[in-house]
C-alpha atoms as a PDB file:
ATOM      1  CA  MET A   1      46.455 -42.229   8.463  1.00  0.00           C
ATOM      2  CA  SER A   2      47.494 -40.243  11.448  1.00  0.00           C
ATOM      3  CA  LEU A   3      50.971 -39.064  10.478  1.00  0.00           C
ATOM      4  CA  LYS A   4      52.408 -39.513  13.977  1.00  0.00           C
ATOM      5  CA  ASP A   5      51.061 -43.067  14.268  1.00  0.00           C
ATOM      6  CA  ASP A   6      52.152 -43.857  10.723  1.00  0.00           C
ATOM      7  CA  ILE A   7      55.748 -42.715  11.156  1.00  0.00           C
ATOM      8  CA  SER A   8      56.190 -44.116  14.655  1.00  0.00           C
ATOM      9  CA  GLY A   9      54.485 -47.385  13.794  1.00  0.00           C
ATOM     10  CA  LYS A  10      56.499 -47.837  10.607  1.00  0.00           C
ATOM     11  CA  ALA A  11      59.731 -47.155  12.505  1.00  0.00           C
ATOM     12  CA  LYS A  12      58.832 -49.804  15.084  1.00  0.00           C
ATOM     13  CA  GLU A  13      57.827 -52.259  12.381  1.00  0.00           C
ATOM     14  CA  VAL A  14      61.081 -51.828  10.438  1.00  0.00           C
ATOM     15  CA  THR A  15      63.196 -51.923  13.595  1.00  0.00           C
ATOM     16  CA  GLY A  16      61.435 -55.110  14.614  1.00  0.00           C
ATOM     17  CA  LYS A  17      62.059 -56.678  11.200  1.00  0.00           C
ATOM     18  CA  VAL A  18      65.740 -55.709  11.180  1.00  0.00           C
ATOM     19  CA  THR A  19      66.391 -56.912  14.721  1.00  0.00           C
ATOM     20  CA  GLY A  20      64.175 -59.978  14.476  1.00  0.00           C
ATOM     21  CA  ASP A  21      61.954 -58.664  17.271  1.00  0.00           C
ATOM     22  CA  GLN A  22      58.530 -59.955  16.233  1.00  0.00           C
ATOM     23  CA  GLU A  23      56.803 -58.263  19.157  1.00  0.00           C
ATOM     24  CA  LEU A  24      58.150 -54.825  18.195  1.00  0.00           C
ATOM     25  CA  GLU A  25      57.230 -55.455  14.568  1.00  0.00           C
ATOM     26  CA  ALA A  26      53.683 -56.373  15.607  1.00  0.00           C
ATOM     27  CA  LYS A  27      53.439 -53.288  17.831  1.00  0.00           C
ATOM     28  CA  GLY A  28      54.455 -51.136  14.871  1.00  0.00           C
ATOM     29  CA  LYS A  29      51.808 -52.665  12.648  1.00  0.00           C
ATOM     30  CA  ALA A  30      49.234 -52.240  15.411  1.00  0.00           C
ATOM     31  CA  GLN A  31      50.152 -48.587  15.843  1.00  0.00           C
ATOM     32  CA  GLN A  32      49.711 -47.991  12.121  1.00  0.00           C
ATOM     33  CA  LEU A  33      46.334 -49.722  12.262  1.00  0.00           C
ATOM     34  CA  ALA A  34      45.352 -47.576  15.248  1.00  0.00           C
ATOM     35  CA  GLY A  35      46.126 -44.497  13.156  1.00  0.00           C
ATOM     36  CA  ASP A  36      43.864 -45.790  10.392  1.00  0.00           C
ATOM     37  CA  VAL A  37      41.073 -46.369  12.910  1.00  0.00           C
ATOM     38  CA  LYS A  38      41.480 -42.851  14.325  1.00  0.00           C
ATOM     39  CA  ASP A  39      41.194 -41.416  10.825  1.00  0.00           C
ATOM     40  CA  LYS A  40      38.064 -43.443  10.060  1.00  0.00           C
ATOM     41  CA  ILE A  41      36.466 -42.325  13.325  1.00  0.00           C
ATOM     42  CA  ALA A  42      37.252 -38.684  12.501  1.00  0.00           C
ATOM     43  CA  GLU A  43      35.729 -39.110   9.034  1.00  0.00           C
ATOM     44  CA  ALA A  44      32.619 -40.724  10.502  1.00  0.00           C
ATOM     45  CA  LYS A  45      32.315 -37.915  13.042  1.00  0.00           C
ATOM     46  CA  ASP A  46      32.482 -35.340  10.251  1.00  0.00           C
ATOM     47  CA  ASP A  47      29.931 -37.253   8.163  1.00  0.00           C
ATOM     48  CA  ILE A  48      27.535 -37.505  11.108  1.00  0.00           C
ATOM     49  CA  GLY A  49      27.912 -33.795  11.840  1.00  0.00           C
ATOM     50  CA  ASP A  50      27.200 -32.961   8.203  1.00  0.00           C
ATOM     51  CA  ALA A  51      24.106 -35.188   8.197  1.00  0.00           C
ATOM     52  CA  VAL A  52      22.803 -33.632  11.423  1.00  0.00           C
ATOM     53  CA  ASN A  53      23.331 -30.126  10.061  1.00  0.00           C
ATOM     54  CA  LYS A  54      21.568 -31.030   6.816  1.00  0.00           C
ATOM     55  CA  GLY A  55      18.643 -32.447   8.787  1.00  0.00           C
ATOM     56  CA  LEU A  56      18.442 -29.318  10.941  1.00  0.00           C
ATOM     57  CA  ASP A  57      18.487 -27.133   7.841  1.00  0.00           C
ATOM     58  CA  THR A  58      15.624 -29.163   6.376  1.00  0.00           C
ATOM     59  CA  VAL A  59      13.581 -28.781   9.568  1.00  0.00           C
ATOM     60  CA  ARG A  60      14.279 -25.029   9.711  1.00  0.00           C
ATOM     61  CA  ASP A  61      13.278 -24.624   6.073  1.00  0.00           C
ATOM     62  CA  GLY A  62      10.051 -26.487   6.752  1.00  0.00           C
ATOM     63  CA  LEU A  63       9.263 -24.300   9.757  1.00  0.00           C
ATOM     64  CA  ASN A  64      10.007 -21.148   7.782  1.00  0.00           C
ATOM     65  CA  ASP A  65       7.693 -22.310   4.997  1.00  0.00           C
ATOM     66  CA  LYS A  66       4.869 -22.870   7.515  1.00  0.00           C
ATOM     67  CA  ASP A  67       5.422 -19.411   9.011  1.00  0.00           C
ATOM     68  CA  GLU A  68       5.168 -17.851   5.562  1.00  0.00           C
ATOM     69  CA  GLU A  69       1.927 -19.753   4.849  1.00  0.00           C
ATOM     70  CA  LYS A  70       0.372 -18.460   8.077  1.00  0.00           C
ATOM     71  CA  LYS A  71       1.198 -14.873   7.092  1.00  0.00           C
ATOM     72  CA  ARG A  72      -0.763 -15.196   3.847  1.00  0.00           C
END
C-alpha cells in the first residue's frame, strides 16, 4: 500500500471512529483503498513492461537466428 495513503487514511479512519464522524472514517478507508489500487496499478504496469520486453527479446532472438542462417 502506498505509505502516504496508508498513514493518512488510517489517521482519518481512527479520528472518525473516535469522534463519531462516519464521513471522515469512510474517507480514511477510501484513501487506504486508493493506495491499494495505486499499488496494484504499479504492479500491473511493471508486469506489462516485463512481458513486452520478453516479447521483444524473443523477436530479436528470432531475427538474429534468421540472419545467422542466411550467412551459412
